[in-house]
Amino acid sequence: MGKQAVDQKGNALHIQADPELEYQYYDIFNVYVGAEEVVLELGNRHRSDPATGVVHQRVVLSPGTARRLVRTLGQGLETMEKKIRSALDEAGKYPTN
C-alpha cells in the first residue's frame, strides 16, 4: 500500500510501506531537541509497575522534518476531532455552550 505525500520542497513523493512492517503501540515518550536534530524516544509503561517504563524505539529527525511531523499530526488530529464533533452534533450528544 502506497501513499502520496509532498517533500519539504513541494515535490510529489510516493511513500511505500515495507510489507513486513511491524506495528507497535507506545504509551510513553521523551523528546530531546538539539540544534541539528530532534530525538523521539518511544516506549511502554510496565504493567506491574505503572510508575516505570522502558524505551523501545528511538527516532531521530531533522528540525525541518520534526516541524512537518508536528504540523501533520496537528492537522490530522484537528480533522478527526471535527468529524467526531460533527457526528455527536448530528446525534444530539455534543454539549454546546
N, C-alpha and C. Protein backbone atom coordinates (compact mmCIF):
# COMPACT_ATOMS: atom_id res chain seq x y z
N MET A 1 0.85 -1.17 0.00
CA MET A 1 0.00 0.00 0.00
C MET A 1 0.90 1.24 0.00
N GLY A 2 0.67 2.14 -0.92
CA GLY A 2 1.45 3.35 -1.01
C GLY A 2 0.62 4.58 -0.70
N LYS A 3 1.31 5.67 -0.39
CA LYS A 3 0.65 6.95 -0.11
C LYS A 3 1.36 8.04 -0.86
N GLN A 4 0.61 9.03 -1.26
CA GLN A 4 1.20 10.21 -1.88
C GLN A 4 1.47 11.24 -0.79
N ALA A 5 2.61 11.89 -0.89
CA ALA A 5 2.98 12.93 0.05
C ALA A 5 3.74 14.00 -0.71
N VAL A 6 4.13 15.02 0.00
CA VAL A 6 4.91 16.11 -0.58
C VAL A 6 6.13 16.32 0.30
N ASP A 7 7.30 16.43 -0.32
CA ASP A 7 8.51 16.65 0.46
C ASP A 7 8.63 18.12 0.84
N GLN A 8 9.71 18.48 1.57
CA GLN A 8 9.88 19.85 2.07
C GLN A 8 10.00 20.88 0.96
N LYS A 9 10.32 20.46 -0.26
CA LYS A 9 10.44 21.39 -1.38
C LYS A 9 9.17 21.44 -2.23
N GLY A 10 8.14 20.71 -1.80
CA GLY A 10 6.87 20.72 -2.52
C GLY A 10 6.80 19.70 -3.65
N ASN A 11 7.79 18.84 -3.77
CA ASN A 11 7.79 17.81 -4.81
C ASN A 11 6.95 16.62 -4.39
N ALA A 12 6.26 16.00 -5.36
CA ALA A 12 5.46 14.81 -5.07
C ALA A 12 6.39 13.68 -4.63
N LEU A 13 5.95 12.93 -3.65
CA LEU A 13 6.74 11.85 -3.09
C LEU A 13 5.81 10.66 -2.87
N HIS A 14 6.16 9.51 -3.44
CA HIS A 14 5.37 8.29 -3.24
C HIS A 14 6.02 7.50 -2.11
N ILE A 15 5.27 7.24 -1.05
CA ILE A 15 5.79 6.52 0.11
C ILE A 15 5.23 5.11 0.10
N GLN A 16 6.11 4.15 0.18
CA GLN A 16 5.74 2.73 0.18
C GLN A 16 6.08 2.14 1.54
N ALA A 17 5.15 1.43 2.17
CA ALA A 17 5.40 0.77 3.46
C ALA A 17 6.01 -0.60 3.21
N ASP A 18 7.02 -0.94 3.98
CA ASP A 18 7.64 -2.26 3.93
C ASP A 18 6.56 -3.30 4.23
N PRO A 19 6.40 -4.34 3.40
CA PRO A 19 5.35 -5.33 3.65
C PRO A 19 5.53 -6.08 4.97
N GLU A 20 6.73 -6.07 5.54
CA GLU A 20 6.98 -6.74 6.81
C GLU A 20 6.99 -5.76 7.98
N LEU A 21 6.48 -4.56 7.76
CA LEU A 21 6.42 -3.53 8.79
C LEU A 21 5.65 -4.04 10.01
N GLU A 22 6.24 -3.87 11.18
CA GLU A 22 5.58 -4.26 12.42
C GLU A 22 4.90 -3.05 13.04
N TYR A 23 3.72 -3.24 13.59
CA TYR A 23 3.01 -2.18 14.28
C TYR A 23 3.29 -2.30 15.76
N GLN A 24 3.64 -1.20 16.39
CA GLN A 24 3.92 -1.17 17.82
C GLN A 24 3.07 -0.09 18.48
N TYR A 25 2.56 -0.38 19.65
CA TYR A 25 1.82 0.61 20.42
C TYR A 25 2.73 1.13 21.52
N TYR A 26 2.83 2.45 21.64
CA TYR A 26 3.63 3.08 22.68
C TYR A 26 2.75 4.00 23.50
N ASP A 27 2.97 4.03 24.81
CA ASP A 27 2.17 4.91 25.66
C ASP A 27 3.00 5.90 26.46
N ILE A 28 4.32 5.93 26.23
CA ILE A 28 5.16 6.96 26.83
C ILE A 28 6.15 7.46 25.77
N PHE A 29 6.62 8.67 25.98
CA PHE A 29 7.61 9.21 25.05
C PHE A 29 8.45 10.27 25.74
N ASN A 30 9.63 10.49 25.23
CA ASN A 30 10.52 11.59 25.60
C ASN A 30 10.88 12.31 24.31
N VAL A 31 11.10 13.60 24.42
CA VAL A 31 11.52 14.39 23.26
C VAL A 31 12.75 15.20 23.66
N TYR A 32 13.79 15.10 22.85
CA TYR A 32 15.00 15.88 23.05
C TYR A 32 15.23 16.72 21.81
N VAL A 33 15.43 18.01 21.99
CA VAL A 33 15.61 18.92 20.85
C VAL A 33 17.00 19.53 20.93
N GLY A 34 17.78 19.33 19.87
CA GLY A 34 19.11 19.92 19.76
C GLY A 34 19.14 20.86 18.57
N ALA A 35 20.27 21.47 18.34
CA ALA A 35 20.40 22.42 17.24
C ALA A 35 20.23 21.76 15.88
N GLU A 36 20.64 20.49 15.75
CA GLU A 36 20.62 19.84 14.45
C GLU A 36 19.75 18.59 14.37
N GLU A 37 19.13 18.20 15.50
CA GLU A 37 18.28 17.02 15.46
C GLU A 37 17.24 17.06 16.58
N VAL A 38 16.17 16.33 16.33
CA VAL A 38 15.11 16.13 17.32
C VAL A 38 15.03 14.62 17.53
N VAL A 39 15.10 14.20 18.79
CA VAL A 39 15.07 12.78 19.10
C VAL A 39 13.77 12.45 19.83
N LEU A 40 13.04 11.47 19.32
CA LEU A 40 11.83 10.96 19.97
C LEU A 40 12.16 9.58 20.52
N GLU A 41 11.93 9.37 21.78
CA GLU A 41 12.07 8.05 22.38
C GLU A 41 10.67 7.55 22.71
N LEU A 42 10.35 6.36 22.27
CA LEU A 42 9.01 5.80 22.43
C LEU A 42 9.10 4.52 23.24
N GLY A 43 8.16 4.33 24.14
CA GLY A 43 8.20 3.13 24.97
C GLY A 43 6.87 2.82 25.61
N ASN A 44 6.92 1.96 26.60
CA ASN A 44 5.72 1.50 27.30
C ASN A 44 5.94 1.46 28.80
N ARG A 45 4.84 1.72 29.52
CA ARG A 45 4.85 1.56 30.97
C ARG A 45 4.88 0.08 31.30
N HIS A 46 5.48 -0.24 32.46
CA HIS A 46 5.43 -1.62 32.93
C HIS A 46 4.02 -1.91 33.43
N ARG A 47 3.48 -3.04 33.05
CA ARG A 47 2.13 -3.39 33.52
C ARG A 47 2.09 -3.57 35.03
N SER A 48 3.15 -4.16 35.58
CA SER A 48 3.15 -4.43 37.03
C SER A 48 3.55 -3.20 37.85
N ASP A 49 4.20 -2.21 37.20
CA ASP A 49 4.63 -1.01 37.91
C ASP A 49 4.44 0.20 36.98
N PRO A 50 3.21 0.75 36.94
CA PRO A 50 2.91 1.85 36.00
C PRO A 50 3.75 3.12 36.21
N ALA A 51 4.48 3.20 37.33
CA ALA A 51 5.32 4.37 37.57
C ALA A 51 6.66 4.27 36.83
N THR A 52 6.90 3.14 36.19
CA THR A 52 8.15 2.97 35.43
C THR A 52 7.83 2.52 34.01
N GLY A 53 8.77 2.75 33.11
CA GLY A 53 8.58 2.36 31.72
C GLY A 53 9.91 2.07 31.06
N VAL A 54 9.83 1.53 29.87
CA VAL A 54 11.02 1.18 29.10
C VAL A 54 10.91 1.79 27.71
N VAL A 55 12.00 2.42 27.26
CA VAL A 55 12.06 2.95 25.90
C VAL A 55 12.42 1.80 24.96
N HIS A 56 11.63 1.64 23.90
CA HIS A 56 11.86 0.56 22.94
C HIS A 56 12.34 1.06 21.58
N GLN A 57 12.12 2.33 21.29
CA GLN A 57 12.43 2.85 19.97
C GLN A 57 12.93 4.28 20.09
N ARG A 58 13.92 4.60 19.30
CA ARG A 58 14.44 5.97 19.24
C ARG A 58 14.41 6.41 17.78
N VAL A 59 13.78 7.56 17.54
CA VAL A 59 13.66 8.10 16.19
C VAL A 59 14.35 9.45 16.17
N VAL A 60 15.25 9.65 15.21
CA VAL A 60 15.98 10.91 15.09
C VAL A 60 15.52 11.62 13.82
N LEU A 61 15.10 12.89 13.97
CA LEU A 61 14.59 13.69 12.86
C LEU A 61 15.38 14.98 12.74
N SER A 62 15.45 15.52 11.53
CA SER A 62 15.98 16.86 11.37
C SER A 62 14.94 17.83 11.91
N PRO A 63 15.33 19.06 12.29
CA PRO A 63 14.33 20.02 12.77
C PRO A 63 13.22 20.28 11.75
N GLY A 64 13.56 20.34 10.47
CA GLY A 64 12.54 20.57 9.44
C GLY A 64 11.55 19.43 9.36
N THR A 65 12.03 18.20 9.42
CA THR A 65 11.14 17.04 9.40
C THR A 65 10.29 17.00 10.66
N ALA A 66 10.86 17.34 11.80
CA ALA A 66 10.10 17.38 13.05
C ALA A 66 8.98 18.42 12.97
N ARG A 67 9.27 19.57 12.37
CA ARG A 67 8.22 20.60 12.21
C ARG A 67 7.09 20.09 11.32
N ARG A 68 7.43 19.40 10.23
CA ARG A 68 6.40 18.85 9.34
C ARG A 68 5.59 17.78 10.06
N LEU A 69 6.26 16.97 10.89
CA LEU A 69 5.55 15.96 11.67
C LEU A 69 4.55 16.62 12.62
N VAL A 70 4.98 17.64 13.33
CA VAL A 70 4.09 18.35 14.26
C VAL A 70 2.90 18.94 13.51
N ARG A 71 3.16 19.58 12.39
CA ARG A 71 2.08 20.19 11.59
C ARG A 71 1.11 19.12 11.09
N THR A 72 1.64 18.01 10.58
CA THR A 72 0.80 16.94 10.04
C THR A 72 -0.02 16.28 11.15
N LEU A 73 0.59 16.02 12.30
CA LEU A 73 -0.15 15.46 13.42
C LEU A 73 -1.26 16.40 13.86
N GLY A 74 -0.96 17.68 13.96
CA GLY A 74 -1.96 18.67 14.35
C GLY A 74 -3.13 18.71 13.39
N GLN A 75 -2.84 18.70 12.09
CA GLN A 75 -3.90 18.72 11.08
C GLN A 75 -4.75 17.45 11.15
N GLY A 76 -4.08 16.31 11.31
CA GLY A 76 -4.81 15.04 11.39
C GLY A 76 -5.71 14.97 12.61
N LEU A 77 -5.19 15.40 13.75
CA LEU A 77 -5.99 15.39 14.97
C LEU A 77 -7.16 16.37 14.88
N GLU A 78 -6.91 17.54 14.30
CA GLU A 78 -7.99 18.52 14.14
C GLU A 78 -9.09 17.98 13.24
N THR A 79 -8.71 17.34 12.15
CA THR A 79 -9.70 16.75 11.24
C THR A 79 -10.52 15.68 11.95
N MET A 80 -9.85 14.80 12.70
CA MET A 80 -10.53 13.74 13.42
C MET A 80 -11.48 14.31 14.47
N GLU A 81 -11.04 15.33 15.20
CA GLU A 81 -11.89 15.94 16.23
C GLU A 81 -13.11 16.60 15.62
N LYS A 82 -12.96 17.26 14.46
CA LYS A 82 -14.11 17.87 13.78
C LYS A 82 -15.11 16.81 13.36
N LYS A 83 -14.63 15.67 12.85
CA LYS A 83 -15.53 14.59 12.44
C LYS A 83 -16.29 14.03 13.63
N ILE A 84 -15.60 13.87 14.75
CA ILE A 84 -16.26 13.35 15.96
C ILE A 84 -17.30 14.35 16.46
N ARG A 85 -16.91 15.65 16.52
CA ARG A 85 -17.88 16.67 16.96
C ARG A 85 -19.10 16.69 16.06
N SER A 86 -18.87 16.61 14.75
CA SER A 86 -19.97 16.63 13.79
C SER A 86 -20.90 15.44 13.99
N ALA A 87 -20.32 14.25 14.18
CA ALA A 87 -21.14 13.06 14.39
C ALA A 87 -21.93 13.17 15.69
N LEU A 88 -21.30 13.71 16.75
CA LEU A 88 -22.01 13.88 18.02
C LEU A 88 -23.09 14.94 17.90
N ASP A 89 -22.81 16.02 17.16
CA ASP A 89 -23.82 17.06 16.92
C ASP A 89 -25.05 16.48 16.23
N GLU A 90 -24.78 15.67 15.19
CA GLU A 90 -25.89 15.07 14.44
C GLU A 90 -26.70 14.13 15.32
N ALA A 91 -26.05 13.47 16.25
CA ALA A 91 -26.74 12.55 17.15
C ALA A 91 -27.35 13.28 18.34
N GLY A 92 -27.08 14.61 18.45
CA GLY A 92 -27.62 15.39 19.56
C GLY A 92 -26.92 15.12 20.88
N LYS A 93 -25.67 14.66 20.80
CA LYS A 93 -24.96 14.28 22.04
C LYS A 93 -23.76 15.17 22.34
N TYR A 94 -23.55 16.20 21.56
CA TYR A 94 -22.40 17.07 21.81
C TYR A 94 -22.86 18.30 22.54
N PRO A 95 -22.34 18.56 23.74
CA PRO A 95 -22.80 19.73 24.51
C PRO A 95 -22.36 21.03 23.85
N THR A 96 -23.27 21.95 23.71
CA THR A 96 -22.93 23.27 23.18
C THR A 96 -23.05 24.28 24.30
N ASN A 97 -22.14 25.22 24.34
CA ASN A 97 -22.14 26.24 25.40
C ASN A 97 -22.87 27.47 24.96
